Amino acid sequence: MPLTRRQTFLRRRVAVLAALVIALGGVGYLAGTGLAPAPAAAVELIQPAALTQPAAELTWPDAGAGAIGAVGYPDLLGSTGEQEPMPIASITKIVTALVLLEEKPLTGKEPGPDITFTEDDVDIYYDVLAEDGSVAPVSAGLVLSQREAFEAMLLPSANNYSISLAIWAYGSMDAYLAAADSWLAEKGLADTSVADTSGLSPASVSSPDDLVEIGELALANPVLASIVKMETSDLPGIGTVVNTNKLLGTHGVTGLKTGTTDEAGACLLYSAEFTVGGETITLVGVMLGGDTHTELNESIVDLLDSVEPGFREVTLADKGAAYASYGTQWGQTSRAVAAESASAVVWSDTPITAVPTARPVTLGEAGDEAGAVDFQVGSTTVSVPLVLEGELTDPGPAWRFTHPGELAAG
């Protein structure tokens, strides 16, 4: 039976509406898949290789007591023998110099005030000579600058000048010793005690650990650091004085102070420098209780030769090294690589750990930030930025229209 005009009209209207619904649905699907955010790339971290170095093996003498450290490194590099307080002989004069500079400071290379020596200083000279202590000439009316007097005290290790300077600065030996006690307490040097200015007294004592710290304090003072590295000095009224430190200028040695008494034996508080990876390493060490200075010096040279290779420049990251990889669901890959190189100078088996982190990435250009790798070198953190090695682009319409589930999940 033929359809009426009304039925035909209704059927056509339904067909048009159905087609419109289908068309609108298709447009919505295409729009939804075409405009939906792409899912983030999967990321996998790449664990760096182990970087901790082998432990250094130090060469210590069989006898005596000692310790060695490095400026800027919190702990001793090593020690040997008894670490209790013991006589330190003329190393005491480094404490004397530091305490004197608290009361009579010097800066740079300035000579400081003139000091006129008197008959009292001549008497001190003869008193020290009678005790078989080391001396440098003095005469009534002699005028030296403070710096020159320090050179007379430290280079030839003149006991008489250490006494004269203490009385000049503090008025009396008792006042000086009280000031020295206060200074040692303030610096936390609990193992150190001084009974005189020269160390001739066996009651002037310290421990190897304290002496390393005292040596670092001396090096931190530009005046003392410059004096203890002098091999000789020409002083008015005295003549040429020679540094008693025979290692000075060899094996990188730059100071500091010798000492010798029957109770203390042969002693040396020393500093030395060498370069690793463009960084200057400054060592401060001490040896106490040696039989002779010749043997003591030989043992220190052996020790220095074993310490130097224990400092190493370690490459932490090479520019372009990969620490993470990205992979997209549509088959693209890229790596997160170090944006720059990094290295560190380390001592011995200082622990080195590396922790890479990668941020979520969906799309990106080569060179875009991608995270960081943090290297823990002892107590120091070195952070190296990571960047994308290659680009991650949009998957395109073909993949989008055929992967609606992945887009919805993303």
Protein backbone atom coordinates (compact mmCIF):
# COMPACT_ATOMS: atom_id res chain seq x y z
CA MET A 1 0.00 0.00 0.00
CA PRO A 2 1.61 3.33 -1.05
CA LEU A 3 2.68 5.76 1.69
CA THR A 4 0.68 8.83 2.09
CA ARG A 5 2.31 12.19 1.62
CA ARG A 6 2.32 12.71 5.38
CA GLN A 7 4.05 9.36 6.03
CA THR A 8 6.68 10.10 3.41
CA PHE A 9 7.33 13.48 4.94
CA LEU A 10 7.71 11.97 8.41
CA ARG A 11 10.07 9.26 7.19
CA ARG A 12 12.25 11.80 5.42
CA ARG A 13 12.28 13.97 8.51
CA VAL A 14 13.40 11.04 10.69
CA ALA A 15 16.15 10.16 8.19
CA VAL A 16 17.41 13.73 8.14
CA LEU A 17 17.38 13.89 11.91
CA ALA A 18 19.22 10.56 12.15
CA ALA A 19 21.82 11.71 9.66
CA LEU A 20 22.22 14.94 11.59
CA VAL A 21 22.68 13.05 14.85
CA ILE A 22 25.26 10.77 13.22
CA ALA A 23 27.05 13.74 11.71
CA LEU A 24 27.09 15.62 14.97
CA GLY A 25 28.34 12.52 16.79
CA GLY A 26 31.11 12.08 14.27
CA VAL A 27 32.10 15.69 14.61
CA GLY A 28 32.10 15.34 18.39
CA TYR A 29 34.23 12.18 18.19
CA LEU A 30 36.67 13.80 15.83
CA ALA A 31 36.83 16.90 17.98
CA GLY A 32 37.19 14.91 21.17
CA THR A 33 40.02 12.73 19.90
CA GLY A 34 41.66 15.54 17.99
CA LEU A 35 41.70 18.00 20.82
CA ALA A 36 42.18 15.72 23.84
CA PRO A 37 45.51 16.07 25.70
CA ALA A 38 48.02 13.42 24.66
CA PRO A 39 49.03 11.00 27.42
CA ALA A 40 52.35 11.66 29.16
CA ALA A 41 55.35 9.67 28.03
CA ALA A 42 56.43 6.76 30.19
CA VAL A 43 59.73 7.50 31.93
CA GLU A 44 62.43 5.12 33.12
CA LEU A 45 65.34 6.32 35.25
CA ILE A 46 68.87 5.20 34.40
CA GLN A 47 70.95 4.57 37.51
CA PRO A 48 74.46 6.07 37.22
CA ALA A 49 77.56 3.94 37.68
CA ALA A 50 79.25 3.79 41.10
CA LEU A 51 81.59 6.74 41.63
CA THR A 52 83.07 6.20 45.11
CA GLN A 53 86.84 5.79 44.86
CA PRO A 54 89.11 3.27 46.60
CA ALA A 55 90.45 4.21 50.04
CA ALA A 56 93.85 5.88 50.16
CA GLU A 57 96.64 4.08 51.97
CA LEU A 58 98.86 6.44 53.96
CA THR A 59 102.51 5.75 54.74
CA TRP A 60 103.17 6.48 58.41
CA PRO A 61 106.45 6.08 60.32
CA ASP A 62 106.75 3.26 62.83
CA ALA A 63 107.41 5.62 65.74
CA GLY A 64 106.08 8.94 66.96
CA ALA A 65 102.62 10.47 66.89
CA GLY A 66 101.04 12.53 64.17
CA ALA A 67 97.99 13.62 62.26
CA ILE A 68 97.26 15.26 58.93
CA GLY A 69 94.29 17.22 57.62
CA ALA A 70 93.38 19.43 54.68
CA VAL A 71 92.02 22.96 54.83
CA GLY A 72 88.30 22.91 54.06
CA TYR A 73 87.91 19.21 54.88
CA PRO A 74 86.13 18.70 58.22
CA ASP A 75 87.87 15.54 59.43
CA LEU A 76 91.48 14.45 59.72
CA LEU A 77 92.78 12.56 56.70
CA GLY A 78 94.58 10.22 59.05
CA SER A 79 96.60 9.88 62.25
CA THR A 80 99.20 7.64 63.87
CA GLY A 81 100.45 6.90 67.37
CA GLU A 82 99.16 8.34 70.63
CA GLN A 83 96.66 11.15 70.22
CA GLU A 84 96.88 12.41 73.79
CA PRO A 85 98.46 15.75 74.79
CA MET A 86 102.27 15.61 74.78
CA PRO A 87 105.17 18.11 74.80
CA ILE A 88 105.36 20.13 71.59
CA ALA A 89 108.64 22.06 72.04
CA SER A 90 108.98 25.17 69.85
CA ILE A 91 105.73 24.52 67.99
CA THR A 92 104.45 26.42 71.04
CA LYS A 93 105.69 29.60 69.32
CA ILE A 94 102.85 29.33 66.77
CA VAL A 95 100.41 29.61 69.67
CA THR A 96 102.48 32.51 71.02
CA ALA A 97 102.31 34.31 67.67
CA LEU A 98 98.56 33.81 67.35
CA VAL A 99 97.90 35.09 70.88
CA LEU A 100 100.22 38.09 70.36
CA LEU A 101 98.32 39.01 67.20
CA GLU A 102 95.10 39.11 69.21
CA GLU A 103 96.58 41.93 71.28
CA LYS A 104 98.81 43.53 68.63
CA PRO A 105 97.21 42.75 65.25
CA LEU A 106 99.02 43.16 61.93
CA THR A 107 97.52 43.20 58.47
CA GLY A 108 98.99 42.38 55.10
CA LYS A 109 102.70 43.13 54.86
CA GLU A 110 102.71 46.14 57.18
CA PRO A 111 105.73 46.20 59.52
CA GLY A 112 103.71 47.20 62.57
CA PRO A 113 104.99 49.41 65.38
CA ASP A 114 108.67 49.72 66.25
CA ILE A 115 109.86 47.87 69.33
CA THR A 116 112.90 49.16 71.21
CA PHE A 117 114.70 46.42 73.11
CA THR A 118 116.33 47.16 76.48
CA GLU A 119 118.76 45.72 79.01
CA ASP A 120 115.87 43.60 80.29
CA ASP A 121 115.73 41.90 76.90
CA VAL A 122 119.49 41.34 77.03
CA ASP A 123 119.01 39.66 80.43
CA ILE A 124 116.32 37.44 78.90
CA TYR A 125 118.80 36.48 76.17
CA TYR A 126 121.38 35.32 78.72
CA ASP A 127 118.75 33.52 80.82
CA VAL A 128 117.62 31.51 77.78
CA LEU A 129 121.24 30.84 76.81
CA ALA A 130 121.89 29.46 80.30
CA GLU A 131 118.96 27.05 79.83
CA ASP A 132 120.51 25.88 76.55
CA GLY A 133 117.57 27.34 74.63
CA SER A 134 117.69 28.68 71.09
CA VAL A 135 118.38 32.41 70.81
CA ALA A 136 118.91 35.26 68.37
CA PRO A 137 121.13 38.26 69.15
CA VAL A 138 119.67 41.28 70.92
CA SER A 139 121.20 44.49 72.26
CA ALA A 140 119.97 47.39 74.33
CA GLY A 141 118.66 50.06 72.01
CA LEU A 142 117.98 47.64 69.12
CA VAL A 143 114.87 48.69 67.20
CA LEU A 144 112.86 46.15 65.20
CA SER A 145 109.41 46.39 63.74
CA GLN A 146 106.85 43.99 65.15
CA ARG A 147 107.02 41.95 61.97
CA GLU A 148 110.82 41.75 62.11
CA ALA A 149 110.63 40.64 65.76
CA PHE A 150 108.16 37.92 64.73
CA GLU A 151 110.60 36.76 62.06
CA ALA A 152 113.35 36.57 64.71
CA MET A 153 111.07 34.46 66.90
CA LEU A 154 109.77 32.09 64.23
CA LEU A 155 112.49 31.54 61.63
CA PRO A 156 115.52 30.69 63.84
CA SER A 157 113.11 29.76 66.68
CA ALA A 158 114.55 32.30 69.12
CA ASN A 159 113.16 31.66 72.59
CA ASN A 160 114.34 35.04 73.87
CA TYR A 161 112.29 36.92 71.29
CA SER A 162 109.15 34.94 72.16
CA ILE A 163 109.55 36.05 75.79
CA SER A 164 110.39 39.66 74.95
CA LEU A 165 107.42 39.95 72.59
CA ALA A 166 105.01 38.50 75.15
CA ILE A 167 106.12 41.01 77.78
CA TRP A 168 105.99 43.85 75.22
CA ALA A 169 102.40 42.95 74.24
CA TYR A 170 100.93 41.98 77.62
CA GLY A 171 103.19 43.63 80.23
CA SER A 172 104.23 40.43 82.00
CA MET A 173 104.54 36.69 81.48
CA ASP A 174 101.65 36.05 83.88
CA ALA A 175 99.38 38.33 81.85
CA TYR A 176 100.45 36.67 78.64
CA LEU A 177 99.82 33.15 79.97
CA ALA A 178 96.36 34.17 81.21
CA ALA A 179 95.58 35.56 77.74
CA ALA A 180 96.87 32.36 76.12
CA ASP A 181 94.64 30.22 78.35
CA SER A 182 91.62 32.32 77.41
CA TRP A 183 92.46 32.16 73.71
CA LEU A 184 92.86 28.37 73.76
CA ALA A 185 89.54 27.97 75.59
CA GLU A 186 87.80 30.29 73.13
CA LYS A 187 89.10 28.24 70.19
CA GLY A 188 88.00 24.97 71.82
CA LEU A 189 91.57 23.62 71.92
CA ALA A 190 91.01 21.57 75.06
CA ASP A 191 94.09 19.37 74.56
CA THR A 192 96.48 22.32 74.42
CA SER A 193 98.08 24.04 77.38
CA VAL A 194 101.07 26.40 77.42
CA ALA A 195 103.37 26.99 80.37
CA ASP A 196 105.73 29.33 78.52
CA THR A 197 106.11 31.15 75.22
CA SER A 198 108.83 28.97 73.71
CA GLY A 199 107.94 25.36 74.43
CA LEU A 200 111.14 24.74 76.36
CA SER A 201 108.91 23.68 79.24
CA PRO A 202 107.59 20.10 78.90
CA ALA A 203 104.33 21.43 80.37
CA SER A 204 103.58 23.15 77.06
CA VAL A 205 101.57 20.35 75.45
CA SER A 206 99.04 19.61 72.75
CA SER A 207 97.52 16.74 70.81
CA PRO A 208 98.07 16.04 67.09
CA ASP A 209 94.42 16.85 66.38
CA ASP A 210 94.64 20.23 68.12
CA LEU A 211 97.92 21.03 66.38
CA VAL A 212 96.39 20.49 62.94
CA GLU A 213 93.72 23.02 63.89
CA ILE A 214 96.34 25.43 65.25
CA GLY A 215 98.26 25.09 61.98
CA GLU A 216 95.13 25.94 60.01
CA LEU A 217 94.56 29.00 62.20
CA ALA A 218 98.13 30.13 61.49
CA LEU A 219 97.69 29.70 57.74
CA ALA A 220 94.45 31.68 57.87
CA ASN A 221 96.42 34.65 59.21
CA PRO A 222 98.12 36.32 56.22
CA VAL A 223 100.97 37.70 58.36
CA LEU A 224 101.91 34.35 59.89
CA ALA A 225 101.36 32.48 56.61
CA SER A 226 103.82 34.79 54.87
CA ILE A 227 106.45 34.60 57.64
CA VAL A 228 106.54 30.82 58.11
CA LYS A 229 107.21 30.28 54.38
CA MET A 230 110.32 32.53 54.42
CA GLU A 231 113.57 30.61 54.08
CA THR A 232 115.71 33.51 55.33
CA SER A 233 115.37 37.11 56.48
CA ASP A 234 117.90 39.90 56.91
CA LEU A 235 117.16 41.67 60.19
CA PRO A 236 118.79 44.92 61.36
CA GLY A 237 121.17 44.41 64.29
CA ILE A 238 120.80 40.64 64.02
CA GLY A 239 121.90 39.68 60.51
CA THR A 240 120.55 36.89 58.36
CA VAL A 241 118.29 34.42 60.14
CA VAL A 242 117.53 31.04 58.57
CA ASN A 243 114.32 29.06 58.87
CA THR A 244 114.89 25.87 60.86
CA ASN A 245 112.36 24.00 58.66
CA LYS A 246 114.59 22.11 56.22
CA LEU A 247 111.63 20.81 54.21
CA LEU A 248 110.57 24.32 53.27
CA GLY A 249 110.32 24.76 49.51
CA THR A 250 110.50 21.02 48.79
CA HIS A 251 107.66 18.55 48.21
CA GLY A 252 105.20 21.45 48.25
CA VAL A 253 106.01 22.35 51.88
CA THR A 254 105.12 25.96 52.77
CA GLY A 255 105.67 26.06 56.58
CA LEU A 256 105.14 25.96 59.56
CA LYS A 257 107.33 25.35 62.67
CA THR A 258 109.96 22.97 63.99
CA GLY A 259 110.48 21.96 67.60
CA THR A 260 113.09 20.01 69.52
CA THR A 261 113.54 19.18 73.20
CA ASP A 262 114.58 16.06 75.07
CA GLU A 263 111.00 15.50 76.23
CA ALA A 264 109.28 16.25 72.91
CA GLY A 265 111.88 14.77 70.55
CA ALA A 266 112.07 16.06 66.98
CA CYS A 267 108.78 17.73 65.98
CA LEU A 268 107.40 19.50 62.93
CA LEU A 269 104.10 21.25 62.34
CA TYR A 270 103.98 21.57 58.57
CA SER A 271 101.85 22.72 55.66
CA ALA A 272 102.07 21.69 52.02
CA GLU A 273 100.25 22.48 48.78
CA PHE A 274 99.56 20.70 45.50
CA THR A 275 96.98 21.01 42.75
CA VAL A 276 94.31 18.51 41.72
CA GLY A 277 91.86 19.30 38.93
CA GLY A 278 92.64 23.00 39.10
CA GLU A 279 91.96 23.07 42.85
CA THR A 280 94.74 23.83 45.33
CA ILE A 281 94.83 21.37 48.21
CA THR A 282 96.45 22.73 51.38
CA LEU A 283 97.59 20.09 53.84
CA VAL A 284 98.35 20.72 57.50
CA GLY A 285 100.07 17.99 59.47
CA VAL A 286 102.23 17.37 62.50
CA MET A 287 104.70 14.75 63.65
CA LEU A 288 105.86 14.58 67.26
CA GLY A 289 108.42 12.43 69.06
CA GLY A 290 110.86 11.77 66.23
CA ASP A 291 114.40 10.58 66.95
CA THR A 292 116.09 13.10 64.65
CA HIS A 293 114.87 15.80 62.30
CA THR A 294 116.49 13.99 59.37
CA GLU A 295 114.45 10.85 60.03
CA LEU A 296 111.37 12.90 60.83
CA ASN A 297 111.61 14.81 57.55
CA GLU A 298 112.04 11.62 55.55
CA SER A 299 108.93 10.12 57.15
CA ILE A 300 106.92 13.29 56.38
CA VAL A 301 108.03 13.21 52.74
CA ASP A 302 106.89 9.56 52.50
CA LEU A 303 103.57 10.53 54.05
CA LEU A 304 103.05 13.46 51.67
CA ASP A 305 103.84 11.22 48.70
CA SER A 306 101.11 8.82 49.86
CA VAL A 307 98.54 11.54 50.60
CA GLU A 308 98.66 13.37 47.26
CA PRO A 309 97.30 10.50 45.08
CA GLY A 310 94.46 10.06 47.58
CA PHE A 311 92.94 13.30 46.25
CA ARG A 312 91.26 12.67 42.91
CA GLU A 313 89.19 14.67 40.46
CA VAL A 314 86.12 12.53 39.79
CA THR A 315 83.92 13.13 36.78
CA LEU A 316 80.38 13.16 38.12
CA ALA A 317 78.57 13.75 34.82
CA ASP A 318 79.58 14.10 31.19
CA LYS A 319 77.54 16.50 29.10
CA GLY A 320 75.05 14.44 27.12
CA ALA A 321 75.12 11.41 29.46
CA ALA A 322 71.65 9.88 29.82
CA TYR A 323 69.91 9.59 33.19
CA ALA A 324 66.34 8.82 32.06
CA SER A 325 64.47 7.67 28.96
CA TYR A 326 61.01 8.64 27.75
CA GLY A 327 58.72 6.57 25.54
CA THR A 328 55.32 7.60 24.14
CA GLN A 329 52.40 5.31 23.35
CA TRP A 330 52.67 6.32 19.69
CA GLY A 331 56.27 5.10 19.43
CA GLN A 332 58.45 8.16 19.96
CA THR A 333 61.44 8.08 22.33
CA SER A 334 63.83 10.59 23.84
CA ARG A 335 66.36 10.64 26.64
CA ALA A 336 66.93 13.03 29.52
CA VAL A 337 70.62 13.93 29.35
CA ALA A 338 73.02 16.06 31.40
CA ALA A 339 72.94 19.66 30.21
CA GLU A 340 76.52 20.20 31.38
CA SER A 341 79.55 18.37 32.68
CA ALA A 342 80.38 18.27 36.39
CA SER A 343 83.31 17.05 38.45
CA ALA A 344 84.50 17.16 42.06
CA VAL A 345 87.79 16.76 43.89
CA VAL A 346 87.39 14.10 46.55
CA TRP A 347 89.57 12.61 49.23
CA SER A 348 90.05 8.85 49.40
CA ASP A 349 86.79 6.86 49.62
CA THR A 350 84.50 9.84 50.27
CA PRO A 351 81.02 8.45 49.52
CA ILE A 352 79.49 9.63 46.23
CA THR A 353 75.86 8.90 45.44
CA ALA A 354 73.72 10.01 42.51
CA VAL A 355 69.93 10.41 42.48
CA PRO A 356 68.30 11.25 39.12
CA THR A 357 64.78 12.69 38.95
CA ALA A 358 62.76 13.18 35.77
CA ARG A 359 59.69 15.40 35.48
CA PRO A 360 56.55 14.24 33.59
CA VAL A 361 56.81 15.07 29.89
CA THR A 362 54.15 14.83 27.18
CA LEU A 363 55.44 17.02 24.36
CA GLY A 364 58.77 18.84 24.24
CA GLU A 365 61.59 20.21 22.17
CA ALA A 366 65.22 19.14 22.34
CA GLY A 367 66.86 21.09 25.16
CA ASP A 368 63.69 21.46 27.24
CA GLU A 369 64.17 20.98 30.97
CA ALA A 370 63.52 17.39 32.01
CA GLY A 371 64.71 17.07 35.61
CA ALA A 372 68.03 16.88 37.45
CA VAL A 373 70.59 14.48 38.83
CA ASP A 374 71.83 15.28 42.34
CA PHE A 375 75.27 14.03 43.34
CA GLN A 376 75.98 13.80 47.06
CA VAL A 377 79.75 14.10 47.50
CA GLY A 378 80.39 13.70 51.21
CA SER A 379 78.46 16.60 52.74
CA THR A 380 78.31 18.59 49.48
CA THR A 381 75.52 18.39 46.88
CA VAL A 382 76.21 19.00 43.20
CA SER A 383 73.07 19.31 41.04
CA VAL A 384 73.22 18.88 37.26
CA PRO A 385 70.14 19.83 35.15
CA LEU A 386 68.70 17.31 32.69
CA VAL A 387 67.28 18.25 29.28
CA LEU A 388 65.49 16.40 26.51
CA GLU A 389 67.88 14.99 23.94
CA GLY A 390 65.27 14.89 21.17
CA GLU A 391 61.77 16.22 20.57
CA LEU A 392 58.52 14.52 21.51
CA THR A 393 55.76 15.63 19.14
CA ASP A 394 51.97 15.25 18.97
CA PRO A 395 50.87 11.78 17.79
CA GLY A 396 48.80 13.24 14.95
CA PRO A 397 45.15 12.68 13.86
CA ALA A 398 45.53 9.11 12.59
CA TRP A 399 46.71 7.80 15.95
CA ARG A 400 44.31 10.01 17.86
CA PHE A 401 41.22 8.82 15.93
CA THR A 402 42.18 5.16 16.41
CA HIS A 403 43.13 5.33 20.12
CA PRO A 404 40.26 7.00 21.96
CA GLY A 405 40.75 4.79 25.04
CA GLU A 406 44.37 5.85 25.48
CA LEU A 407 43.39 9.51 25.13
CA ALA A 408 40.62 9.12 27.67
CA ALA A 409 42.97 7.39 30.12
CA GLY A 410 45.62 10.05 29.58
